[in-house]
Amino acid sequence: MNDAPDLEARLRALEERVRALEAGREGSAAPPTAAQDFWALDTLTGRYPQGAVLFSGHVELPTGERYGWQETALAPDLLAADWGEAAPALAALGHPLRLALLRAVLHGQRTTADLQAQPDLAGAGKLYHHLRELQAAGWLTPQGRGRYGVPGARVVPLLAILRATGPLLAAPPPDGPGA
């Protein structure tokens, strides 16, 4: 059994981690170099030469809640999986009103009364229908009478899905390039 390719991949991954740690200690405000722009991809390639997808992120909501999340999935497993199982969760996100509801909840409008007061969230009958759809798909959970929340484990994945649909941001963040 030849462990050399695995050893080389592990060594490359460790070297990359050391470089990243050393760069962080220096506290340099310099923008990342082209080689550093793909640190996650380079690490993923070294660890999983057969292919993998990494989902990761951390967020502080306008409400002050903080969430971090990471998951790695092997590409062969994703390609072989039954994609139909994802249909209910994706379908629940396929309506503009449901997306508006999720956005409002993440911004702290968590009660039915708060949500009904939003001009873009339509009448109560439609509101309850869409709240039920989001609950059934796991995007919302009841948190007491007439109160809803996005489960912590779904916050970063939701944002990743939204970003994966295309460029949602009209402009770069204020501290991003060109600021």
N, C-alpha and C. Protein backbone atom coordinates (compact mmCIF):
# COMPACT_ATOMS: atom_id res chain seq x y z
N MET A 1 0.85 -1.19 0.00
CA MET A 1 0.00 0.00 0.00
C MET A 1 0.88 1.24 0.00
N ASN A 2 0.64 2.14 -0.91
CA ASN A 2 1.46 3.35 -1.05
C ASN A 2 0.74 4.52 -0.41
N ASP A 3 1.27 5.00 0.73
CA ASP A 3 0.67 6.12 1.44
C ASP A 3 1.28 7.45 1.03
N ALA A 4 2.22 7.44 0.08
CA ALA A 4 2.92 8.67 -0.31
C ALA A 4 1.97 9.76 -0.80
N PRO A 5 0.98 9.48 -1.69
CA PRO A 5 0.08 10.56 -2.12
C PRO A 5 -0.72 11.15 -0.97
N ASP A 6 -1.18 10.28 -0.05
CA ASP A 6 -1.94 10.76 1.10
C ASP A 6 -1.04 11.60 2.00
N LEU A 7 0.19 11.14 2.22
CA LEU A 7 1.13 11.87 3.06
C LEU A 7 1.46 13.22 2.44
N GLU A 8 1.65 13.25 1.13
CA GLU A 8 1.94 14.51 0.45
C GLU A 8 0.76 15.47 0.56
N ALA A 9 -0.44 14.97 0.40
CA ALA A 9 -1.63 15.83 0.51
C ALA A 9 -1.76 16.37 1.93
N ARG A 10 -1.52 15.53 2.91
CA ARG A 10 -1.60 15.98 4.29
C ARG A 10 -0.53 17.01 4.59
N LEU A 11 0.68 16.79 4.07
CA LEU A 11 1.76 17.75 4.28
C LEU A 11 1.44 19.10 3.64
N ARG A 12 0.90 19.08 2.41
CA ARG A 12 0.49 20.33 1.75
C ARG A 12 -0.57 21.07 2.58
N ALA A 13 -1.54 20.31 3.10
CA ALA A 13 -2.59 20.92 3.90
C ALA A 13 -2.02 21.53 5.18
N LEU A 14 -1.09 20.83 5.82
CA LEU A 14 -0.47 21.38 7.03
C LEU A 14 0.36 22.63 6.73
N GLU A 15 1.10 22.60 5.64
CA GLU A 15 1.89 23.78 5.26
C GLU A 15 0.97 24.97 5.01
N GLU A 16 -0.15 24.74 4.37
CA GLU A 16 -1.10 25.82 4.10
C GLU A 16 -1.67 26.37 5.41
N ARG A 17 -1.99 25.49 6.33
CA ARG A 17 -2.52 25.93 7.63
C ARG A 17 -1.48 26.75 8.39
N VAL A 18 -0.21 26.32 8.36
CA VAL A 18 0.85 27.08 9.04
C VAL A 18 0.99 28.46 8.41
N ARG A 19 0.98 28.52 7.07
CA ARG A 19 1.05 29.82 6.39
C ARG A 19 -0.11 30.72 6.79
N ALA A 20 -1.30 30.15 6.85
CA ALA A 20 -2.48 30.93 7.23
C ALA A 20 -2.37 31.42 8.67
N LEU A 21 -1.91 30.56 9.56
CA LEU A 21 -1.74 30.97 10.96
C LEU A 21 -0.68 32.05 11.10
N GLU A 22 0.44 31.89 10.40
CA GLU A 22 1.49 32.90 10.47
C GLU A 22 1.02 34.22 9.90
N ALA A 23 0.28 34.19 8.84
CA ALA A 23 -0.25 35.42 8.23
C ALA A 23 -1.19 36.12 9.20
N GLY A 24 -1.99 35.35 9.93
CA GLY A 24 -2.92 35.93 10.89
C GLY A 24 -2.21 36.57 12.06
N ARG A 25 -1.07 36.00 12.50
CA ARG A 25 -0.33 36.55 13.63
C ARG A 25 0.30 37.88 13.30
N GLU A 26 0.69 38.05 12.05
CA GLU A 26 1.33 39.30 11.66
C GLU A 26 0.34 40.45 11.68
N GLY A 27 -0.93 40.17 11.57
CA GLY A 27 -1.96 41.21 11.62
C GLY A 27 -1.89 42.15 10.42
N SER A 28 -1.38 41.69 9.33
CA SER A 28 -1.23 42.52 8.14
C SER A 28 -2.60 42.90 7.58
N ALA A 29 -2.75 44.16 7.25
CA ALA A 29 -3.99 44.64 6.65
C ALA A 29 -3.91 44.59 5.13
N ALA A 30 -2.82 44.04 4.62
CA ALA A 30 -2.65 43.98 3.17
C ALA A 30 -3.68 43.03 2.57
N PRO A 31 -4.16 43.34 1.38
CA PRO A 31 -5.13 42.43 0.75
C PRO A 31 -4.48 41.09 0.44
N PRO A 32 -5.28 40.03 0.41
CA PRO A 32 -4.71 38.72 0.14
C PRO A 32 -4.11 38.66 -1.26
N THR A 33 -3.09 37.85 -1.38
CA THR A 33 -2.48 37.65 -2.70
C THR A 33 -3.35 36.68 -3.48
N ALA A 34 -3.07 36.57 -4.76
CA ALA A 34 -3.84 35.65 -5.61
C ALA A 34 -3.76 34.23 -5.06
N ALA A 35 -2.59 33.84 -4.52
CA ALA A 35 -2.44 32.49 -3.98
C ALA A 35 -3.31 32.30 -2.73
N GLN A 36 -3.51 33.35 -1.94
CA GLN A 36 -4.30 33.25 -0.72
C GLN A 36 -5.80 33.31 -1.00
N ASP A 37 -6.21 33.85 -2.13
CA ASP A 37 -7.63 33.97 -2.44
C ASP A 37 -8.34 32.62 -2.44
N PHE A 38 -7.64 31.55 -2.75
CA PHE A 38 -8.25 30.23 -2.87
C PHE A 38 -7.74 29.28 -1.79
N TRP A 39 -7.49 29.79 -0.59
CA TRP A 39 -6.95 28.96 0.49
C TRP A 39 -7.89 27.80 0.82
N ALA A 40 -9.18 28.04 0.83
CA ALA A 40 -10.12 26.96 1.15
C ALA A 40 -10.13 25.91 0.04
N LEU A 41 -10.13 26.36 -1.20
CA LEU A 41 -10.11 25.43 -2.33
C LEU A 41 -8.83 24.62 -2.34
N ASP A 42 -7.70 25.28 -2.11
CA ASP A 42 -6.42 24.57 -2.09
C ASP A 42 -6.39 23.52 -0.99
N THR A 43 -6.88 23.87 0.19
CA THR A 43 -6.92 22.93 1.30
C THR A 43 -7.86 21.77 1.00
N LEU A 44 -9.01 22.08 0.46
CA LEU A 44 -9.99 21.05 0.12
C LEU A 44 -9.44 20.08 -0.92
N THR A 45 -8.76 20.62 -1.91
CA THR A 45 -8.17 19.79 -2.96
C THR A 45 -7.11 18.87 -2.38
N GLY A 46 -6.32 19.39 -1.44
CA GLY A 46 -5.29 18.56 -0.82
C GLY A 46 -5.88 17.45 0.04
N ARG A 47 -6.95 17.74 0.73
CA ARG A 47 -7.56 16.75 1.62
C ARG A 47 -8.42 15.73 0.87
N TYR A 48 -9.10 16.18 -0.16
CA TYR A 48 -10.06 15.34 -0.86
C TYR A 48 -9.78 15.37 -2.37
N PRO A 49 -8.75 14.68 -2.82
CA PRO A 49 -8.41 14.73 -4.25
C PRO A 49 -9.52 14.19 -5.15
N GLN A 50 -10.44 13.38 -4.61
CA GLN A 50 -11.55 12.85 -5.40
C GLN A 50 -12.63 13.89 -5.63
N GLY A 51 -12.52 15.03 -4.96
CA GLY A 51 -13.49 16.12 -5.12
C GLY A 51 -14.39 16.23 -3.90
N ALA A 52 -14.66 17.46 -3.52
CA ALA A 52 -15.52 17.72 -2.37
C ALA A 52 -16.08 19.12 -2.47
N VAL A 53 -17.13 19.36 -1.73
CA VAL A 53 -17.75 20.68 -1.66
C VAL A 53 -17.73 21.09 -0.20
N LEU A 54 -17.30 22.32 0.04
CA LEU A 54 -17.23 22.85 1.40
C LEU A 54 -18.21 23.99 1.53
N PHE A 55 -19.05 23.92 2.55
CA PHE A 55 -19.97 25.00 2.87
C PHE A 55 -19.52 25.51 4.23
N SER A 56 -19.29 26.79 4.36
CA SER A 56 -18.82 27.31 5.63
C SER A 56 -19.17 28.78 5.74
N GLY A 57 -19.38 29.23 6.95
CA GLY A 57 -19.61 30.65 7.16
C GLY A 57 -19.89 30.97 8.61
N HIS A 58 -19.82 32.24 8.91
CA HIS A 58 -20.23 32.72 10.22
C HIS A 58 -20.95 34.04 10.00
N VAL A 59 -21.92 34.32 10.85
CA VAL A 59 -22.75 35.51 10.66
C VAL A 59 -23.21 36.04 12.00
N GLU A 60 -23.27 37.36 12.10
CA GLU A 60 -23.94 38.00 13.22
C GLU A 60 -25.17 38.68 12.65
N LEU A 61 -26.33 38.26 13.13
CA LEU A 61 -27.59 38.81 12.64
C LEU A 61 -27.82 40.21 13.21
N PRO A 62 -28.70 40.99 12.59
CA PRO A 62 -29.03 42.31 13.14
C PRO A 62 -29.55 42.23 14.58
N THR A 63 -30.01 41.06 15.00
CA THR A 63 -30.52 40.87 16.36
C THR A 63 -29.39 40.62 17.36
N GLY A 64 -28.16 40.45 16.87
CA GLY A 64 -27.01 40.17 17.73
C GLY A 64 -26.68 38.69 17.87
N GLU A 65 -27.55 37.83 17.38
CA GLU A 65 -27.27 36.39 17.44
C GLU A 65 -26.13 36.06 16.48
N ARG A 66 -25.31 35.12 16.90
CA ARG A 66 -24.16 34.72 16.08
C ARG A 66 -24.25 33.23 15.77
N TYR A 67 -23.92 32.90 14.53
CA TYR A 67 -23.95 31.51 14.11
C TYR A 67 -22.72 31.22 13.26
N GLY A 68 -22.18 30.03 13.44
CA GLY A 68 -21.10 29.53 12.60
C GLY A 68 -21.48 28.13 12.15
N TRP A 69 -21.06 27.79 10.95
CA TRP A 69 -21.47 26.50 10.41
C TRP A 69 -20.47 26.07 9.36
N GLN A 70 -20.20 24.77 9.30
CA GLN A 70 -19.33 24.22 8.27
C GLN A 70 -19.73 22.79 8.00
N GLU A 71 -19.69 22.43 6.73
CA GLU A 71 -19.95 21.05 6.33
C GLU A 71 -19.19 20.77 5.06
N THR A 72 -18.60 19.58 5.01
CA THR A 72 -17.91 19.12 3.81
C THR A 72 -18.65 17.91 3.29
N ALA A 73 -18.86 17.87 1.99
CA ALA A 73 -19.51 16.71 1.36
C ALA A 73 -18.63 16.25 0.20
N LEU A 74 -18.43 14.96 0.10
CA LEU A 74 -17.64 14.42 -1.00
C LEU A 74 -18.43 14.51 -2.30
N ALA A 75 -17.76 14.97 -3.34
CA ALA A 75 -18.42 15.15 -4.63
C ALA A 75 -19.02 13.86 -5.16
N PRO A 76 -18.32 12.72 -5.11
CA PRO A 76 -18.94 11.48 -5.60
C PRO A 76 -20.23 11.14 -4.86
N ASP A 77 -20.27 11.41 -3.56
CA ASP A 77 -21.49 11.13 -2.79
C ASP A 77 -22.62 12.05 -3.22
N LEU A 78 -22.32 13.33 -3.43
CA LEU A 78 -23.35 14.28 -3.87
C LEU A 78 -23.88 13.91 -5.25
N LEU A 79 -22.99 13.52 -6.15
CA LEU A 79 -23.40 13.16 -7.51
C LEU A 79 -24.24 11.89 -7.54
N ALA A 80 -24.00 10.99 -6.58
CA ALA A 80 -24.75 9.72 -6.53
C ALA A 80 -26.05 9.82 -5.74
N ALA A 81 -26.22 10.88 -4.96
CA ALA A 81 -27.39 11.01 -4.08
C ALA A 81 -28.67 11.22 -4.88
N ASP A 82 -29.80 10.96 -4.24
CA ASP A 82 -31.12 11.22 -4.83
C ASP A 82 -31.44 12.70 -4.66
N TRP A 83 -31.28 13.47 -5.70
CA TRP A 83 -31.47 14.92 -5.63
C TRP A 83 -32.92 15.29 -5.37
N GLY A 84 -33.83 14.38 -5.64
CA GLY A 84 -35.24 14.64 -5.39
C GLY A 84 -35.52 14.90 -3.91
N GLU A 85 -34.67 14.38 -3.03
CA GLU A 85 -34.85 14.60 -1.60
C GLU A 85 -34.70 16.07 -1.22
N ALA A 86 -34.00 16.84 -2.04
CA ALA A 86 -33.79 18.27 -1.76
C ALA A 86 -34.95 19.13 -2.24
N ALA A 87 -35.83 18.56 -3.04
CA ALA A 87 -36.91 19.34 -3.66
C ALA A 87 -37.80 20.08 -2.66
N PRO A 88 -38.27 19.46 -1.57
CA PRO A 88 -39.14 20.20 -0.66
C PRO A 88 -38.46 21.44 -0.04
N ALA A 89 -37.20 21.28 0.38
CA ALA A 89 -36.50 22.42 0.98
C ALA A 89 -36.26 23.52 -0.05
N LEU A 90 -35.92 23.14 -1.27
CA LEU A 90 -35.69 24.14 -2.32
C LEU A 90 -37.01 24.78 -2.76
N ALA A 91 -38.06 23.98 -2.84
CA ALA A 91 -39.36 24.51 -3.25
C ALA A 91 -39.86 25.54 -2.24
N ALA A 92 -39.62 25.28 -0.97
CA ALA A 92 -40.07 26.22 0.05
C ALA A 92 -39.39 27.58 -0.11
N LEU A 93 -38.19 27.59 -0.67
CA LEU A 93 -37.47 28.85 -0.89
C LEU A 93 -37.84 29.49 -2.23
N GLY A 94 -38.66 28.81 -3.01
CA GLY A 94 -38.97 29.24 -4.36
C GLY A 94 -40.08 30.27 -4.49
N HIS A 95 -40.45 30.93 -3.42
CA HIS A 95 -41.50 31.94 -3.48
C HIS A 95 -40.98 33.23 -2.85
N PRO A 96 -41.14 34.37 -3.53
CA PRO A 96 -40.62 35.64 -3.00
C PRO A 96 -41.17 35.99 -1.61
N LEU A 97 -42.41 35.66 -1.34
CA LEU A 97 -42.98 35.98 -0.03
C LEU A 97 -42.30 35.16 1.07
N ARG A 98 -42.00 33.91 0.77
CA ARG A 98 -41.33 33.07 1.78
C ARG A 98 -39.92 33.58 2.05
N LEU A 99 -39.25 34.00 1.01
CA LEU A 99 -37.92 34.59 1.20
C LEU A 99 -38.01 35.87 2.03
N ALA A 100 -39.03 36.67 1.77
CA ALA A 100 -39.24 37.91 2.54
C ALA A 100 -39.53 37.57 4.01
N LEU A 101 -40.27 36.51 4.25
CA LEU A 101 -40.55 36.08 5.62
C LEU A 101 -39.26 35.67 6.34
N LEU A 102 -38.45 34.87 5.68
CA LEU A 102 -37.20 34.43 6.29
C LEU A 102 -36.29 35.63 6.59
N ARG A 103 -36.23 36.55 5.65
CA ARG A 103 -35.41 37.75 5.84
C ARG A 103 -35.92 38.55 7.03
N ALA A 104 -37.22 38.73 7.13
CA ALA A 104 -37.80 39.48 8.23
C ALA A 104 -37.51 38.80 9.57
N VAL A 105 -37.63 37.48 9.62
CA VAL A 105 -37.36 36.75 10.86
C VAL A 105 -35.89 36.90 11.25
N LEU A 106 -34.99 36.80 10.28
CA LEU A 106 -33.57 36.96 10.59
C LEU A 106 -33.25 38.38 11.05
N HIS A 107 -34.08 39.34 10.66
CA HIS A 107 -33.89 40.73 11.10
C HIS A 107 -34.61 41.03 12.41
N GLY A 108 -35.22 40.00 13.02
CA GLY A 108 -35.81 40.18 14.34
C GLY A 108 -37.31 40.32 14.40
N GLN A 109 -37.98 40.30 13.27
CA GLN A 109 -39.45 40.37 13.25
C GLN A 109 -39.97 38.95 13.33
N ARG A 110 -40.21 38.49 14.55
CA ARG A 110 -40.44 37.06 14.75
C ARG A 110 -41.85 36.69 15.14
N THR A 111 -42.67 37.62 15.46
CA THR A 111 -44.04 37.27 15.84
C THR A 111 -44.95 37.42 14.63
N THR A 112 -46.07 36.72 14.68
CA THR A 112 -47.03 36.83 13.60
C THR A 112 -47.48 38.27 13.43
N ALA A 113 -47.68 38.98 14.53
CA ALA A 113 -48.10 40.38 14.46
C ALA A 113 -47.04 41.23 13.77
N ASP A 114 -45.76 41.02 14.11
CA ASP A 114 -44.68 41.75 13.45
C ASP A 114 -44.67 41.49 11.95
N LEU A 115 -44.84 40.22 11.60
CA LEU A 115 -44.79 39.84 10.19
C LEU A 115 -45.99 40.40 9.42
N GLN A 116 -47.17 40.36 10.03
CA GLN A 116 -48.37 40.89 9.38
C GLN A 116 -48.27 42.40 9.17
N ALA A 117 -47.52 43.08 10.01
CA ALA A 117 -47.38 44.53 9.92
C ALA A 117 -46.48 44.96 8.76
N GLN A 118 -45.75 44.02 8.19
CA GLN A 118 -44.86 44.36 7.08
C GLN A 118 -45.67 44.51 5.79
N PRO A 119 -45.55 45.65 5.11
CA PRO A 119 -46.36 45.87 3.90
C PRO A 119 -46.11 44.85 2.79
N ASP A 120 -44.89 44.31 2.71
CA ASP A 120 -44.59 43.37 1.62
C ASP A 120 -44.92 41.92 1.96
N LEU A 121 -45.54 41.68 3.12
CA LEU A 121 -45.84 40.31 3.52
C LEU A 121 -47.31 39.94 3.42
N ALA A 122 -48.08 40.67 2.69
CA ALA A 122 -49.47 40.33 2.31
C ALA A 122 -50.39 40.08 3.50
N GLY A 123 -51.56 39.53 3.21
CA GLY A 123 -52.60 39.31 4.22
C GLY A 123 -52.35 38.09 5.07
N ALA A 124 -53.10 37.99 6.16
CA ALA A 124 -52.90 36.94 7.15
C ALA A 124 -53.10 35.54 6.57
N GLY A 125 -54.08 35.35 5.70
CA GLY A 125 -54.33 34.02 5.13
C GLY A 125 -53.12 33.50 4.38
N LYS A 126 -52.59 34.30 3.52
CA LYS A 126 -51.39 33.90 2.78
C LYS A 126 -50.19 33.76 3.71
N LEU A 127 -50.11 34.63 4.70
CA LEU A 127 -48.99 34.59 5.62
C LEU A 127 -48.92 33.23 6.32
N TYR A 128 -50.05 32.77 6.86
CA TYR A 128 -50.05 31.49 7.56
C TYR A 128 -49.72 30.33 6.63
N HIS A 129 -50.20 30.39 5.41
CA HIS A 129 -49.87 29.35 4.43
C HIS A 129 -48.37 29.27 4.21
N HIS A 130 -47.74 30.42 4.01
CA HIS A 130 -46.30 30.44 3.74
C HIS A 130 -45.49 30.09 4.99
N LEU A 131 -45.95 30.48 6.16
CA LEU A 131 -45.27 30.09 7.39
C LEU A 131 -45.29 28.56 7.55
N ARG A 132 -46.43 27.94 7.24
CA ARG A 132 -46.54 26.48 7.32
C ARG A 132 -45.59 25.80 6.33
N GLU A 133 -45.50 26.34 5.11
CA GLU A 133 -44.60 25.77 4.11
C GLU A 133 -43.14 25.82 4.59
N LEU A 134 -42.75 26.95 5.16
CA LEU A 134 -41.37 27.10 5.65
C LEU A 134 -41.11 26.19 6.84
N GLN A 135 -42.10 26.00 7.71
CA GLN A 135 -41.96 25.09 8.83
C GLN A 135 -41.83 23.64 8.35
N ALA A 136 -42.66 23.26 7.41
CA ALA A 136 -42.64 21.89 6.91
C ALA A 136 -41.29 21.53 6.29
N ALA A 137 -40.64 22.52 5.68
CA ALA A 137 -39.35 22.28 5.04
C ALA A 137 -38.18 22.47 6.01
N GLY A 138 -38.46 22.88 7.24
CA GLY A 138 -37.40 23.04 8.23
C GLY A 138 -36.70 24.38 8.24
N TRP A 139 -37.20 25.33 7.46
CA TRP A 139 -36.56 26.66 7.42
C TRP A 139 -37.01 27.54 8.58
N LEU A 140 -38.16 27.26 9.15
CA LEU A 140 -38.66 27.99 10.32
C LEU A 140 -39.08 26.99 11.38
N THR A 141 -38.95 27.40 12.63
CA THR A 141 -39.48 26.59 13.73
C THR A 141 -40.31 27.49 14.64
N PRO A 142 -41.40 26.95 15.18
CA PRO A 142 -42.17 27.74 16.15
C PRO A 142 -41.36 27.88 17.44
N GLN A 143 -41.43 29.07 18.02
CA GLN A 143 -40.72 29.33 19.27
C GLN A 143 -41.69 29.93 20.28
N GLY A 144 -42.76 29.24 20.51
CA GLY A 144 -43.80 29.76 21.38
C GLY A 144 -44.98 30.21 20.55
N ARG A 145 -45.99 30.66 21.21
CA ARG A 145 -47.23 31.04 20.53
C ARG A 145 -47.03 32.23 19.59
N GLY A 146 -47.22 31.98 18.29
CA GLY A 146 -47.14 33.05 17.30
C GLY A 146 -45.76 33.63 17.10
N ARG A 147 -44.73 32.88 17.48
CA ARG A 147 -43.34 33.36 17.36
C ARG A 147 -42.54 32.33 16.57
N TYR A 148 -41.66 32.82 15.68
CA TYR A 148 -40.91 31.93 14.79
C TYR A 148 -39.43 32.28 14.81
N GLY A 149 -38.63 31.29 14.44
CA GLY A 149 -37.20 31.50 14.31
C GLY A 149 -36.64 30.61 13.22
N VAL A 150 -35.53 31.02 12.66
CA VAL A 150 -34.80 30.18 11.72
C VAL A 150 -33.85 29.35 12.58
N PRO A 151 -33.89 28.01 12.47
CA PRO A 151 -32.98 27.20 13.28
C PRO A 151 -31.53 27.61 13.03
N GLY A 152 -30.75 27.68 14.10
CA GLY A 152 -29.35 28.11 13.98
C GLY A 152 -28.56 27.35 12.93
N ALA A 153 -28.80 26.05 12.82
CA ALA A 153 -28.07 25.23 11.85
C ALA A 153 -28.49 25.51 10.41
N ARG A 154 -29.53 26.31 10.21
CA ARG A 154 -29.99 26.62 8.85
C ARG A 154 -29.62 28.04 8.41
N VAL A 155 -29.11 28.88 9.32
CA VAL A 155 -28.85 30.28 8.98
C VAL A 155 -27.77 30.41 7.91
N VAL A 156 -26.59 29.85 8.15
CA VAL A 156 -25.50 29.95 7.17
C VAL A 156 -25.85 29.21 5.88
N PRO A 157 -26.40 27.98 5.95
CA PRO A 157 -26.79 27.32 4.70
C PRO A 157 -27.79 28.15 3.88
N LEU A 158 -28.74 28.80 4.54
CA LEU A 158 -29.69 29.65 3.82
C LEU A 158 -28.97 30.76 3.08
N LEU A 159 -28.06 31.43 3.76
CA LEU A 159 -27.30 32.51 3.12
C LEU A 159 -26.43 31.98 1.99
N ALA A 160 -25.86 30.78 2.16
CA ALA A 160 -25.04 30.17 1.10
C ALA A 160 -25.90 29.84 -0.12
N ILE A 161 -27.09 29.31 0.11
CA ILE A 161 -27.99 29.00 -1.01
C ILE A 161 -28.36 30.28 -1.76
N LEU A 162 -28.70 31.32 -1.01
CA LEU A 162 -29.06 32.59 -1.64
C LEU A 162 -27.90 33.15 -2.46
N ARG A 163 -26.71 33.10 -1.91
CA ARG A 163 -25.54 33.61 -2.64
C ARG A 163 -25.25 32.75 -3.87
N ALA A 164 -25.48 31.45 -3.76
CA ALA A 164 -25.20 30.54 -4.88
C ALA A 164 -26.13 30.77 -6.06
N THR A 165 -27.26 31.45 -5.84
CA THR A 165 -28.19 31.69 -6.94
C THR A 165 -27.69 32.77 -7.89
N GLY A 166 -26.71 33.51 -7.48
CA GLY A 166 -26.18 34.59 -8.31
C GLY A 166 -25.80 35.78 -7.45
N PRO A 167 -25.40 36.85 -8.08
CA PRO A 167 -24.95 38.01 -7.32
C PRO A 167 -26.10 38.78 -6.69
N LEU A 168 -26.34 38.54 -5.40
CA LEU A 168 -27.38 39.27 -4.69
C LEU A 168 -26.92 40.67 -4.31
N LEU A 169 -25.62 40.83 -4.15
CA LEU A 169 -25.09 42.11 -3.69
C LEU A 169 -24.92 43.06 -4.87
N ALA A 170 -25.51 44.24 -4.75
CA ALA A 170 -25.40 45.23 -5.81
C ALA A 170 -24.04 45.89 -5.81
N ALA A 171 -23.41 45.97 -4.66
CA ALA A 171 -22.11 46.62 -4.54
C ALA A 171 -21.28 45.83 -3.54
N PRO A 172 -19.95 45.95 -3.62
CA PRO A 172 -19.12 45.25 -2.63
C PRO A 172 -19.34 45.83 -1.24
N PRO A 173 -19.06 45.04 -0.21
CA PRO A 173 -19.21 45.57 1.15
C PRO A 173 -18.36 46.82 1.34
N PRO A 174 -18.74 47.69 2.29
CA PRO A 174 -18.03 48.96 2.48
C PRO A 174 -16.54 48.79 2.73
N ASP A 175 -16.11 47.70 3.38
CA ASP A 175 -14.69 47.53 3.63
C ASP A 175 -14.03 46.63 2.58
N GLY A 176 -14.74 46.33 1.50
CA GLY A 176 -14.22 45.47 0.45
C GLY A 176 -13.39 46.25 -0.55
N PRO A 177 -13.05 45.63 -1.66
CA PRO A 177 -12.25 46.28 -2.68
C PRO A 177 -12.92 47.58 -3.16
N GLY A 178 -12.13 48.58 -3.34
CA GLY A 178 -12.63 49.84 -3.87
C GLY A 178 -13.14 50.78 -2.81
N ALA A 179 -13.07 50.38 -1.52
CA ALA A 179 -13.58 51.24 -0.45
C ALA A 179 -12.59 52.31 -0.10
